[in-house]
Structure formats: structure tokens, C-alpha cells
């Protein structure tokens, strides 16, 4: 858990995360490390003014919304 948190803090965006699979659903992103953990994240910004979905390649700060064990 601590290692994944460090990875998230060090990355400029979710595409730079070194471990796991990233899945996007609108303005939510799930990082899944197989057989270990999944982390649900959202941009740590106010909602987009026009209601559009964020471009995740430009999101540099995230808010962790949930953590689940996937074993």
C-alpha cells in the first residue's frame, strides 16, 4: 500500500505509474495491481466547468476515493 502511494505521488500523471493496470470510467480511474490491491481515484480538482471528462494525461493530483483488496 505504501509503495503504491509513493508511486502515485511521484508520477506526473496516471500513465506514468510503474505497476498495475489503469482503467478509466468517466472522471474516475482505477489502478489495479493483480492479486493485490485496487485503488479508485478521482482528479483532485473542482468539477470541469462544462461537465466534460478530464483528460487524464493532464491530471497531476488525484484524490483516493477507495482501496480494495483483490485477492
PDB file of N, CA and C in Angstrom:
ATOM      1  N   UNK A   1       0.824  -1.183   0.000  1.00  0.00           N
ATOM      2  CA  UNK A   1       0.000   0.000   0.000  1.00  0.00           C
ATOM      3  C   UNK A   1       0.877   1.259   0.000  1.00  0.00           C
ATOM      4  N   UNK A   2       1.847   1.279   0.875  1.00  0.00           N
ATOM      5  CA  UNK A   2       2.718   2.454   0.959  1.00  0.00           C
ATOM      6  C   UNK A   2       3.512   2.641  -0.335  1.00  0.00           C
ATOM      7  N   UNK A   3       3.939   1.542  -0.947  1.00  0.00           N
ATOM      8  CA  UNK A   3       4.685   1.632  -2.202  1.00  0.00           C
ATOM      9  C   UNK A   3       3.811   2.207  -3.308  1.00  0.00           C
ATOM     10  N   UNK A   4       2.553   1.784  -3.395  1.00  0.00           N
ATOM     11  CA  UNK A   4       1.645   2.308  -4.426  1.00  0.00           C
ATOM     12  C   UNK A   4       1.362   3.789  -4.175  1.00  0.00           C
ATOM     13  N   UNK A   5       1.215   4.185  -2.921  1.00  0.00           N
ATOM     14  CA  UNK A   5       1.004   5.595  -2.599  1.00  0.00           C
ATOM     15  C   UNK A   5       2.196   6.424  -3.051  1.00  0.00           C
ATOM     16  N   UNK A   6       3.392   5.912  -2.814  1.00  0.00           N
ATOM     17  CA  UNK A   6       4.610   6.611  -3.249  1.00  0.00           C
ATOM     18  C   UNK A   6       4.667   6.718  -4.766  1.00  0.00           C
ATOM     19  N   UNK A   7       4.252   5.640  -5.468  1.00  0.00           N
ATOM     20  CA  UNK A   7       4.211   5.672  -6.932  1.00  0.00           C
ATOM     21  C   UNK A   7       3.269   6.761  -7.425  1.00  0.00           C
ATOM     22  N   UNK A   8       2.095   6.841  -6.817  1.00  0.00           N
ATOM     23  CA  UNK A   8       1.089   7.836  -7.228  1.00  0.00           C
ATOM     24  C   UNK A   8       1.614   9.246  -7.002  1.00  0.00           C
ATOM     25  N   UNK A   9       2.257   9.483  -5.867  1.00  0.00           N
ATOM     26  CA  UNK A   9       2.799  10.812  -5.578  1.00  0.00           C
ATOM     27  C   UNK A   9       3.919  11.189  -6.534  1.00  0.00           C
ATOM     28  N   UNK A  10       4.736  10.237  -6.927  1.00  0.00           N
ATOM     29  CA  UNK A  10       5.891  10.527  -7.773  1.00  0.00           C
ATOM     30  C   UNK A  10       5.538  10.714  -9.244  1.00  0.00           C
ATOM     31  N   UNK A  11       4.441  10.122  -9.685  1.00  0.00           N
ATOM     32  CA  UNK A  11       4.064  10.187 -11.101  1.00  0.00           C
ATOM     33  C   UNK A  11       3.500  11.558 -11.463  1.00  0.00           C
ATOM     34  N   UNK A  12       3.807  12.020 -12.662  1.00  0.00           N
ATOM     35  CA  UNK A  12       3.237  13.276 -13.161  1.00  0.00           C
ATOM     36  C   UNK A  12       1.780  13.094 -13.570  1.00  0.00           C
ATOM     37  N   UNK A  13       1.432  11.876 -14.015  1.00  0.00           N
ATOM     38  CA  UNK A  13       0.045  11.537 -14.329  1.00  0.00           C
ATOM     39  C   UNK A  13      -0.089  10.017 -14.221  1.00  0.00           C
ATOM     40  N   UNK A  14      -1.315   9.501 -14.304  1.00  0.00           N
ATOM     41  CA  UNK A  14      -1.544   8.066 -14.081  1.00  0.00           C
ATOM     42  C   UNK A  14      -0.892   7.184 -15.135  1.00  0.00           C
ATOM     43  N   UNK A  15      -0.573   7.739 -16.293  1.00  0.00           N
ATOM     44  CA  UNK A  15       0.068   6.947 -17.339  1.00  0.00           C
ATOM     45  C   UNK A  15       1.525   6.638 -17.002  1.00  0.00           C
ATOM     46  N   UNK A  16       2.094   7.319 -16.021  1.00  0.00           N
ATOM     47  CA  UNK A  16       3.474   7.084 -15.599  1.00  0.00           C
ATOM     48  C   UNK A  16       3.585   6.101 -14.446  1.00  0.00           C
ATOM     49  N   UNK A  17       2.479   5.553 -13.975  1.00  0.00           N
ATOM     50  CA  UNK A  17       2.534   4.608 -12.868  1.00  0.00           C
ATOM     51  C   UNK A  17       3.257   3.336 -13.317  1.00  0.00           C
ATOM     52  N   UNK A  18       4.257   2.896 -12.550  1.00  0.00           N
ATOM     53  CA  UNK A  18       5.109   1.792 -12.992  1.00  0.00           C
ATOM     54  C   UNK A  18       4.500   0.398 -12.848  1.00  0.00           C
ATOM     55  N   UNK A  19       3.485   0.249 -12.018  1.00  0.00           N
ATOM     56  CA  UNK A  19       2.925  -1.068 -11.727  1.00  0.00           C
ATOM     57  C   UNK A  19       1.412  -1.018 -11.823  1.00  0.00           C
ATOM     58  N   UNK A  20       0.824  -2.059 -12.403  1.00  0.00           N
ATOM     59  CA  UNK A  20      -0.625  -2.194 -12.392  1.00  0.00           C
ATOM     60  C   UNK A  20      -1.288  -1.796 -13.693  1.00  0.00           C
ATOM     61  N   UNK A  21      -2.585  -2.058 -13.732  1.00  0.00           N
ATOM     62  CA  UNK A  21      -3.424  -1.747 -14.890  1.00  0.00           C
ATOM     63  C   UNK A  21      -4.322  -0.575 -14.521  1.00  0.00           C
ATOM     64  N   UNK A  22      -4.421   0.398 -15.405  1.00  0.00           N
ATOM     65  CA  UNK A  22      -5.244   1.581 -15.168  1.00  0.00           C
ATOM     66  C   UNK A  22      -6.487   1.496 -16.045  1.00  0.00           C
ATOM     67  N   UNK A  23      -7.662   1.646 -15.424  1.00  0.00           N
ATOM     68  CA  UNK A  23      -8.938   1.618 -16.133  1.00  0.00           C
ATOM     69  C   UNK A  23      -9.663   2.930 -15.831  1.00  0.00           C
ATOM     70  N   UNK A  24     -10.232   3.533 -16.869  1.00  0.00           N
ATOM     71  CA  UNK A  24     -10.931   4.810 -16.718  1.00  0.00           C
ATOM     72  C   UNK A  24     -12.430   4.616 -16.894  1.00  0.00           C
ATOM     73  N   UNK A  25     -13.189   5.265 -16.024  1.00  0.00           N
ATOM     74  CA  UNK A  25     -14.647   5.316 -16.137  1.00  0.00           C
ATOM     75  C   UNK A  25     -15.055   6.761 -15.854  1.00  0.00           C
ATOM     76  N   UNK A  26     -15.185   7.534 -16.923  1.00  0.00           N
ATOM     77  CA  UNK A  26     -15.518   8.950 -16.752  1.00  0.00           C
ATOM     78  C   UNK A  26     -14.415   9.676 -16.017  1.00  0.00           C
ATOM     79  N   UNK A  27     -14.762  10.356 -14.934  1.00  0.00           N
ATOM     80  CA  UNK A  27     -13.777  11.088 -14.150  1.00  0.00           C
ATOM     81  C   UNK A  27     -13.217  10.265 -13.006  1.00  0.00           C
ATOM     82  N   UNK A  28     -13.368   8.955 -13.077  1.00  0.00           N
ATOM     83  CA  UNK A  28     -12.776   8.060 -12.088  1.00  0.00           C
ATOM     84  C   UNK A  28     -11.744   7.171 -12.770  1.00  0.00           C
ATOM     85  N   UNK A  29     -10.740   6.799 -12.025  1.00  0.00           N
ATOM     86  CA  UNK A  29      -9.656   5.966 -12.537  1.00  0.00           C
ATOM     87  C   UNK A  29      -9.375   4.891 -11.483  1.00  0.00           C
ATOM     88  N   UNK A  30      -9.222   3.656 -11.931  1.00  0.00           N
ATOM     89  CA  UNK A  30      -8.893   2.570 -11.016  1.00  0.00           C
ATOM     90  C   UNK A  30      -7.534   1.991 -11.395  1.00  0.00           C
ATOM     91  N   UNK A  31      -6.642   1.960 -10.433  1.00  0.00           N
ATOM     92  CA  UNK A  31      -5.346   1.311 -10.588  1.00  0.00           C
ATOM     93  C   UNK A  31      -5.456  -0.051  -9.921  1.00  0.00           C
ATOM     94  N   UNK A  32      -5.280  -1.123 -10.692  1.00  0.00           N
ATOM     95  CA  UNK A  32      -5.352  -2.472 -10.149  1.00  0.00           C
ATOM     96  C   UNK A  32      -4.001  -3.155 -10.275  1.00  0.00           C
ATOM     97  N   UNK A  33      -3.492  -3.606  -9.150  1.00  0.00           N
ATOM     98  CA  UNK A  33      -2.291  -4.422  -9.125  1.00  0.00           C
ATOM     99  C   UNK A  33      -2.797  -5.850  -8.937  1.00  0.00           C
ATOM    100  N   UNK A  34      -2.674  -6.706  -9.970  1.00  0.00           N
ATOM    101  CA  UNK A  34      -3.277  -8.047  -9.923  1.00  0.00           C
ATOM    102  C   UNK A  34      -2.931  -8.816  -8.648  1.00  0.00           C
ATOM    103  N   UNK A  35      -3.934  -9.467  -8.108  1.00  0.00           N
ATOM    104  CA  UNK A  35      -3.812 -10.303  -6.910  1.00  0.00           C
ATOM    105  C   UNK A  35      -3.350  -9.536  -5.678  1.00  0.00           C
ATOM    106  N   UNK A  36      -3.540  -8.234  -5.671  1.00  0.00           N
ATOM    107  CA  UNK A  36      -3.073  -7.468  -4.520  1.00  0.00           C
ATOM    108  C   UNK A  36      -4.069  -6.389  -4.098  1.00  0.00           C
ATOM    109  N   UNK A  37      -4.197  -5.321  -4.904  1.00  0.00           N
ATOM    110  CA  UNK A  37      -4.960  -4.158  -4.459  1.00  0.00           C
ATOM    111  C   UNK A  37      -5.540  -3.403  -5.647  1.00  0.00           C
ATOM    112  N   UNK A  38      -6.664  -2.736  -5.434  1.00  0.00           N
ATOM    113  CA  UNK A  38      -7.163  -1.786  -6.435  1.00  0.00           C
ATOM    114  C   UNK A  38      -7.414  -0.463  -5.720  1.00  0.00           C
ATOM    115  N   UNK A  39      -7.064   0.618  -6.401  1.00  0.00           N
ATOM    116  CA  UNK A  39      -7.188   1.965  -5.830  1.00  0.00           C
ATOM    117  C   UNK A  39      -8.043   2.795  -6.775  1.00  0.00           C
ATOM    118  N   UNK A  40      -9.157   3.313  -6.273  1.00  0.00           N
ATOM    119  CA  UNK A  40     -10.058   4.161  -7.043  1.00  0.00           C
ATOM    120  C   UNK A  40      -9.673   5.610  -6.793  1.00  0.00           C
ATOM    121  N   UNK A  41      -9.459   6.358  -7.897  1.00  0.00           N
ATOM    122  CA  UNK A  41      -9.007   7.751  -7.784  1.00  0.00           C
ATOM    123  C   UNK A  41      -9.886   8.679  -8.626  1.00  0.00           C
ATOM    124  N   UNK A  42      -9.912   9.938  -8.232  1.00  0.00           N
ATOM    125  CA  UNK A  42     -10.583  10.994  -8.986  1.00  0.00           C
ATOM    126  C   UNK A  42      -9.628  12.185  -9.036  1.00  0.00           C
ATOM    127  N   UNK A  43      -9.767  13.053 -10.047  1.00  0.00           N
ATOM    128  CA  UNK A  43      -8.923  14.251 -10.079  1.00  0.00           C
ATOM    129  C   UNK A  43      -9.150  15.086  -8.825  1.00  0.00           C
ATOM    130  N   UNK A  44      -8.105  15.626  -8.263  1.00  0.00           N
ATOM    131  CA  UNK A  44      -8.222  16.461  -7.075  1.00  0.00           C
ATOM    132  C   UNK A  44      -8.364  17.925  -7.501  1.00  0.00           C
ATOM    133  N   UNK A  45      -9.343  18.152  -8.356  1.00  0.00           N
ATOM    134  CA  UNK A  45      -9.661  19.484  -8.853  1.00  0.00           C
ATOM    135  C   UNK A  45     -11.167  19.665  -8.760  1.00  0.00           C
ATOM    136  N   UNK A  46     -11.613  20.888  -8.862  1.00  0.00           N
ATOM    137  CA  UNK A  46     -13.053  21.112  -8.916  1.00  0.00           C
ATOM    138  C   UNK A  46     -13.597  20.499 -10.205  1.00  0.00           C
ATOM    139  N   UNK A  47     -14.878  20.245 -10.250  1.00  0.00           N
ATOM    140  CA  UNK A  47     -15.500  19.630 -11.427  1.00  0.00           C
ATOM    141  C   UNK A  47     -15.267  20.505 -12.657  1.00  0.00           C
ATOM    142  N   UNK A  48     -15.137  19.855 -13.790  1.00  0.00           N
ATOM    143  CA  UNK A  48     -14.958  20.588 -15.045  1.00  0.00           C
ATOM    144  C   UNK A  48     -16.164  21.489 -15.265  1.00  0.00           C
ATOM    145  N   UNK A  49     -15.913  22.713 -15.662  1.00  0.00           N
ATOM    146  CA  UNK A  49     -16.974  23.703 -15.801  1.00  0.00           C
ATOM    147  C   UNK A  49     -18.097  23.274 -16.731  1.00  0.00           C
ATOM    148  N   UNK A  50     -17.745  22.638 -17.834  1.00  0.00           N
ATOM    149  CA  UNK A  50     -18.762  22.261 -18.806  1.00  0.00           C
ATOM    150  C   UNK A  50     -19.250  20.822 -18.620  1.00  0.00           C
ATOM    151  N   UNK A  51     -18.835  20.177 -17.523  1.00  0.00           N
ATOM    152  CA  UNK A  51     -19.271  18.813 -17.256  1.00  0.00           C
ATOM    153  C   UNK A  51     -18.535  17.757 -18.056  1.00  0.00           C
ATOM    154  N   UNK A  52     -17.519  18.157 -18.802  1.00  0.00           N
ATOM    155  CA  UNK A  52     -16.765  17.199 -19.607  1.00  0.00           C
ATOM    156  C   UNK A  52     -15.863  16.332 -18.735  1.00  0.00           C
ATOM    157  N   UNK A  53     -15.402  15.260 -19.309  1.00  0.00           N
ATOM    158  CA  UNK A  53     -14.485  14.346 -18.636  1.00  0.00           C
ATOM    159  C   UNK A  53     -13.072  14.913 -18.720  1.00  0.00           C
ATOM    160  N   UNK A  54     -12.328  14.769 -17.629  1.00  0.00           N
ATOM    161  CA  UNK A  54     -10.946  15.250 -17.607  1.00  0.00           C
ATOM    162  C   UNK A  54     -10.073  14.461 -18.564  1.00  0.00           C
ATOM    163  N   UNK A  55      -9.071  15.116 -19.096  1.00  0.00           N
ATOM    164  CA  UNK A  55      -8.027  14.469 -19.880  1.00  0.00           C
ATOM    165  C   UNK A  55      -7.009  13.964 -18.859  1.00  0.00           C
ATOM    166  N   UNK A  56      -7.004  12.654 -18.615  1.00  0.00           N
ATOM    167  CA  UNK A  56      -6.176  12.092 -17.554  1.00  0.00           C
ATOM    168  C   UNK A  56      -4.686  12.301 -17.788  1.00  0.00           C
ATOM    169  N   UNK A  57      -4.271  12.584 -19.004  1.00  0.00           N
ATOM    170  CA  UNK A  57      -2.843  12.835 -19.231  1.00  0.00           C
ATOM    171  C   UNK A  57      -2.416  14.179 -18.648  1.00  0.00           C
ATOM    172  N   UNK A  58      -3.381  15.031 -18.295  1.00  0.00           N
ATOM    173  CA  UNK A  58      -3.068  16.336 -17.713  1.00  0.00           C
ATOM    174  C   UNK A  58      -3.338  16.398 -16.209  1.00  0.00           C
ATOM    175  N   UNK A  59      -3.878  15.321 -15.637  1.00  0.00           N
ATOM    176  CA  UNK A  59      -4.204  15.309 -14.206  1.00  0.00           C
ATOM    177  C   UNK A  59      -2.958  14.956 -13.411  1.00  0.00           C
ATOM    178  N   UNK A  60      -2.482  15.895 -12.599  1.00  0.00           N
ATOM    179  CA  UNK A  60      -1.281  15.697 -11.810  1.00  0.00           C
ATOM    180  C   UNK A  60      -1.547  15.441 -10.343  1.00  0.00           C
ATOM    181  N   UNK A  61      -2.766  15.721  -9.888  1.00  0.00           N
ATOM    182  CA  UNK A  61      -3.123  15.495  -8.486  1.00  0.00           C
ATOM    183  C   UNK A  61      -4.401  14.675  -8.450  1.00  0.00           C
ATOM    184  N   UNK A  62      -4.399  13.632  -7.620  1.00  0.00           N
ATOM    185  CA  UNK A  62      -5.577  12.782  -7.511  1.00  0.00           C
ATOM    186  C   UNK A  62      -6.032  12.682  -6.068  1.00  0.00           C
ATOM    187  N   UNK A  63      -7.292  12.344  -5.912  1.00  0.00           N
ATOM    188  CA  UNK A  63      -7.879  12.087  -4.606  1.00  0.00           C
ATOM    189  C   UNK A  63      -8.214  10.598  -4.562  1.00  0.00           C
ATOM    190  N   UNK A  64      -7.707   9.891  -3.565  1.00  0.00           N
ATOM    191  CA  UNK A  64      -8.011   8.471  -3.422  1.00  0.00           C
ATOM    192  C   UNK A  64      -9.425   8.351  -2.869  1.00  0.00           C
ATOM    193  N   UNK A  65     -10.282   7.650  -3.629  1.00  0.00           N
ATOM    194  CA  UNK A  65     -11.698   7.508  -3.272  1.00  0.00           C
ATOM    195  C   UNK A  65     -11.985   6.162  -2.591  1.00  0.00           C
ATOM    196  N   UNK A  66     -11.119   5.181  -2.843  1.00  0.00           N
ATOM    197  CA  UNK A  66     -11.338   3.879  -2.227  1.00  0.00           C
ATOM    198  C   UNK A  66     -10.163   2.955  -2.468  1.00  0.00           C
ATOM    199  N   UNK A  67     -10.008   1.994  -1.575  1.00  0.00           N
ATOM    200  CA  UNK A  67      -8.955   0.998  -1.675  1.00  0.00           C
ATOM    201  C   UNK A  67      -9.582  -0.357  -1.382  1.00  0.00           C
ATOM    202  N   UNK A  68      -9.335  -1.322  -2.274  1.00  0.00           N
ATOM    203  CA  UNK A  68      -9.911  -2.648  -2.116  1.00  0.00           C
ATOM    204  C   UNK A  68      -8.852  -3.721  -2.268  1.00  0.00           C
ATOM    205  N   UNK A  69      -9.008  -4.782  -1.508  1.00  0.00           N
ATOM    206  CA  UNK A  69      -8.160  -5.976  -1.622  1.00  0.00           C
ATOM    207  C   UNK A  69      -8.720  -6.813  -2.765  1.00  0.00           C
ATOM    208  N   UNK A  70      -7.892  -7.273  -3.696  1.00  0.00           N
ATOM    209  CA  UNK A  70      -8.385  -8.064  -4.828  1.00  0.00           C
ATOM    210  C   UNK A  70      -7.895  -9.501  -4.782  1.00  0.00           C
ATOM    211  N   UNK A  71      -7.534  -9.989  -3.652  1.00  0.00           N
ATOM    212  CA  UNK A  71      -7.079 -11.390  -3.533  1.00  0.00           C
ATOM    213  C   UNK A  71      -8.226 -12.333  -3.554  1.00  0.00           C
TER     214      UNK A  71
END
